[in-house]
Amino acid sequence: MVNLKIDPYIFDTLMRDLCGHDRQPSAFLVYLFLYRWTDAVCNHTIAVSLRDIAEATGLSKRSVQSAITRLHSRKLISIRRKSITDIPAYTVLFPWRRHSDGTP
């Protein structure tokens, strides 16, 4: 069993913002998924396919694509890939924190 420490802002503000205001609960689930797995590798970046995210969260691949788009546009994640067909590497960002790049 691994303990995961979650920033209170994620539940106190971000959940209400993504689920209520944006009406995108899938974006909140995908953010939590990425948050958990990037925390496990201790660098806030992970390469993972849309299909793997969909299977892990119980969402459709299309819902995951939409969630990724929303998270990226809200600057909650950054996406990097070497080529258009490469599996993307997602970096979880924390824009509410003091550092300009959103890192802890």
C-alpha atoms as a PDB file:
ATOM      1  CA  MET A   1       0.000   0.000   0.000  1.00  0.00           C
ATOM      2  CA  VAL A   2       1.391   3.360  -1.060  1.00  0.00           C
ATOM      3  CA  ASN A   3       0.341   6.577   0.623  1.00  0.00           C
ATOM      4  CA  LEU A   4      -0.435   9.398  -1.758  1.00  0.00           C
ATOM      5  CA  LYS A   5      -0.406  12.931  -0.449  1.00  0.00           C
ATOM      6  CA  ILE A   6      -2.837  15.107  -2.403  1.00  0.00           C
ATOM      7  CA  ASP A   7      -2.734  18.877  -2.403  1.00  0.00           C
ATOM      8  CA  PRO A   8      -5.995  20.108  -0.783  1.00  0.00           C
ATOM      9  CA  TYR A   9      -6.494  22.553  -3.668  1.00  0.00           C
ATOM     10  CA  ILE A  10      -7.219  19.593  -5.950  1.00  0.00           C
ATOM     11  CA  PHE A  11     -10.319  18.614  -3.982  1.00  0.00           C
ATOM     12  CA  ASP A  12     -11.296  21.993  -2.558  1.00  0.00           C
ATOM     13  CA  THR A  13     -11.172  23.990  -5.797  1.00  0.00           C
ATOM     14  CA  LEU A  14     -10.124  22.024  -8.871  1.00  0.00           C
ATOM     15  CA  MET A  15     -12.777  19.316  -8.487  1.00  0.00           C
ATOM     16  CA  ARG A  16     -15.584  21.895  -8.304  1.00  0.00           C
ATOM     17  CA  ASP A  17     -14.074  23.863 -11.182  1.00  0.00           C
ATOM     18  CA  LEU A  18     -13.642  20.927 -13.584  1.00  0.00           C
ATOM     19  CA  CYS A  19     -16.786  18.996 -12.626  1.00  0.00           C
ATOM     20  CA  GLY A  20     -19.155  21.888 -11.963  1.00  0.00           C
ATOM     21  CA  HIS A  21     -18.048  24.907 -13.947  1.00  0.00           C
ATOM     22  CA  ASP A  22     -16.482  23.095 -16.935  1.00  0.00           C
ATOM     23  CA  ARG A  23     -18.882  20.132 -16.711  1.00  0.00           C
ATOM     24  CA  GLN A  24     -15.960  17.796 -17.369  1.00  0.00           C
ATOM     25  CA  PRO A  25     -15.747  15.246 -14.544  1.00  0.00           C
ATOM     26  CA  SER A  26     -13.691  13.104 -16.909  1.00  0.00           C
ATOM     27  CA  ALA A  27     -10.995  15.806 -16.855  1.00  0.00           C
ATOM     28  CA  PHE A  28     -10.882  15.588 -13.069  1.00  0.00           C
ATOM     29  CA  LEU A  29     -10.544  11.780 -13.202  1.00  0.00           C
ATOM     30  CA  VAL A  30      -7.767  11.973 -15.781  1.00  0.00           C
ATOM     31  CA  TYR A  31      -5.961  14.639 -13.736  1.00  0.00           C
ATOM     32  CA  LEU A  32      -6.149  12.393 -10.649  1.00  0.00           C
ATOM     33  CA  PHE A  33      -4.864   9.432 -12.663  1.00  0.00           C
ATOM     34  CA  LEU A  34      -1.910  11.431 -13.999  1.00  0.00           C
ATOM     35  CA  TYR A  35      -1.266  12.982 -10.571  1.00  0.00           C
ATOM     36  CA  ARG A  36      -1.100   9.556  -8.936  1.00  0.00           C
ATOM     37  CA  TRP A  37       1.156   7.949 -11.520  1.00  0.00           C
ATOM     38  CA  THR A  38       3.502  10.904 -11.945  1.00  0.00           C
ATOM     39  CA  ASP A  39       3.831  11.032  -8.163  1.00  0.00           C
ATOM     40  CA  ALA A  40       4.886   7.365  -8.264  1.00  0.00           C
ATOM     41  CA  VAL A  41       7.814   8.198 -10.556  1.00  0.00           C
ATOM     42  CA  CYS A  42       8.686  11.326  -8.545  1.00  0.00           C
ATOM     43  CA  ASN A  43       9.174  13.652 -11.491  1.00  0.00           C
ATOM     44  CA  HIS A  44       5.615  14.668 -12.436  1.00  0.00           C
ATOM     45  CA  THR A  45       6.015  13.310 -15.990  1.00  0.00           C
ATOM     46  CA  ILE A  46       4.832   9.994 -17.403  1.00  0.00           C
ATOM     47  CA  ALA A  47       4.437   8.547 -20.893  1.00  0.00           C
ATOM     48  CA  VAL A  48       1.126   6.730 -21.202  1.00  0.00           C
ATOM     49  CA  SER A  49      -1.284   5.992 -24.039  1.00  0.00           C
ATOM     50  CA  LEU A  50      -4.854   7.207 -24.243  1.00  0.00           C
ATOM     51  CA  ARG A  51      -5.998   3.590 -24.239  1.00  0.00           C
ATOM     52  CA  ASP A  52      -4.143   2.867 -20.987  1.00  0.00           C
ATOM     53  CA  ILE A  53      -5.665   5.953 -19.347  1.00  0.00           C
ATOM     54  CA  ALA A  54      -9.121   4.915 -20.579  1.00  0.00           C
ATOM     55  CA  GLU A  55      -8.740   1.399 -19.187  1.00  0.00           C
ATOM     56  CA  ALA A  56      -7.438   2.635 -15.843  1.00  0.00           C
ATOM     57  CA  THR A  57     -10.163   5.235 -15.341  1.00  0.00           C
ATOM     58  CA  GLY A  58     -13.110   3.399 -16.895  1.00  0.00           C
ATOM     59  CA  LEU A  59     -13.615   6.207 -19.396  1.00  0.00           C
ATOM     60  CA  SER A  60     -13.923   5.903 -23.160  1.00  0.00           C
ATOM     61  CA  LYS A  61     -10.905   6.806 -25.267  1.00  0.00           C
ATOM     62  CA  ARG A  62     -12.852   9.773 -26.679  1.00  0.00           C
ATOM     63  CA  SER A  63     -13.637  11.028 -23.149  1.00  0.00           C
ATOM     64  CA  VAL A  64      -9.955  10.778 -22.279  1.00  0.00           C
ATOM     65  CA  GLN A  65      -9.023  12.742 -25.424  1.00  0.00           C
ATOM     66  CA  SER A  66     -11.502  15.447 -24.501  1.00  0.00           C
ATOM     67  CA  ALA A  67     -10.238  15.516 -20.902  1.00  0.00           C
ATOM     68  CA  ILE A  68      -6.613  15.800 -22.044  1.00  0.00           C
ATOM     69  CA  THR A  69      -7.559  18.698 -24.316  1.00  0.00           C
ATOM     70  CA  ARG A  70      -9.352  20.474 -21.449  1.00  0.00           C
ATOM     71  CA  LEU A  71      -6.486  19.901 -18.989  1.00  0.00           C
ATOM     72  CA  HIS A  72      -3.946  21.137 -21.510  1.00  0.00           C
ATOM     73  CA  SER A  73      -5.972  24.251 -22.351  1.00  0.00           C
ATOM     74  CA  ARG A  74      -6.331  24.994 -18.622  1.00  0.00           C
ATOM     75  CA  LYS A  75      -2.531  24.595 -18.244  1.00  0.00           C
ATOM     76  CA  LEU A  76      -2.969  21.777 -15.738  1.00  0.00           C
ATOM     77  CA  ILE A  77      -0.805  19.448 -17.830  1.00  0.00           C
ATOM     78  CA  SER A  78       1.780  19.785 -20.547  1.00  0.00           C
ATOM     79  CA  ILE A  79       2.157  17.285 -23.367  1.00  0.00           C
ATOM     80  CA  ARG A  80       5.392  16.327 -25.076  1.00  0.00           C
ATOM     81  CA  ARG A  81       5.963  13.790 -27.848  1.00  0.00           C
ATOM     82  CA  LYS A  82       8.889  13.070 -30.124  1.00  0.00           C
ATOM     83  CA  SER A  83       6.690  12.419 -33.145  1.00  0.00           C
ATOM     84  CA  ILE A  84       2.992  12.512 -33.969  1.00  0.00           C
ATOM     85  CA  THR A  85       2.724   8.726 -33.559  1.00  0.00           C
ATOM     86  CA  ASP A  86       4.752   8.533 -30.347  1.00  0.00           C
ATOM     87  CA  ILE A  87       3.110   7.902 -26.968  1.00  0.00           C
ATOM     88  CA  PRO A  88       2.800  11.321 -25.321  1.00  0.00           C
ATOM     89  CA  ALA A  89       4.568  12.226 -22.095  1.00  0.00           C
ATOM     90  CA  TYR A  90       2.311  14.153 -19.732  1.00  0.00           C
ATOM     91  CA  THR A  91       3.619  16.495 -17.067  1.00  0.00           C
ATOM     92  CA  VAL A  92       1.247  17.405 -14.261  1.00  0.00           C
ATOM     93  CA  LEU A  93       1.356  21.123 -13.523  1.00  0.00           C
ATOM     94  CA  PHE A  94       0.316  23.017 -10.414  1.00  0.00           C
ATOM     95  CA  PRO A  95      -0.413  26.576 -11.569  1.00  0.00           C
ATOM     96  CA  TRP A  96      -1.777  27.552  -8.156  1.00  0.00           C
ATOM     97  CA  ARG A  97       1.652  27.039  -6.582  1.00  0.00           C
ATOM     98  CA  ARG A  98       4.278  29.778  -6.370  1.00  0.00           C
ATOM     99  CA  HIS A  99       6.841  28.479  -8.861  1.00  0.00           C
ATOM    100  CA  SER A 100       6.377  29.961 -12.304  1.00  0.00           C
ATOM    101  CA  ASP A 101       6.563  26.556 -14.015  1.00  0.00           C
ATOM    102  CA  GLY A 102       3.863  25.066 -11.764  1.00  0.00           C
ATOM    103  CA  THR A 103       6.162  22.529 -10.156  1.00  0.00           C
ATOM    104  CA  PRO A 104       6.091  21.918  -6.427  1.00  0.00           C
END
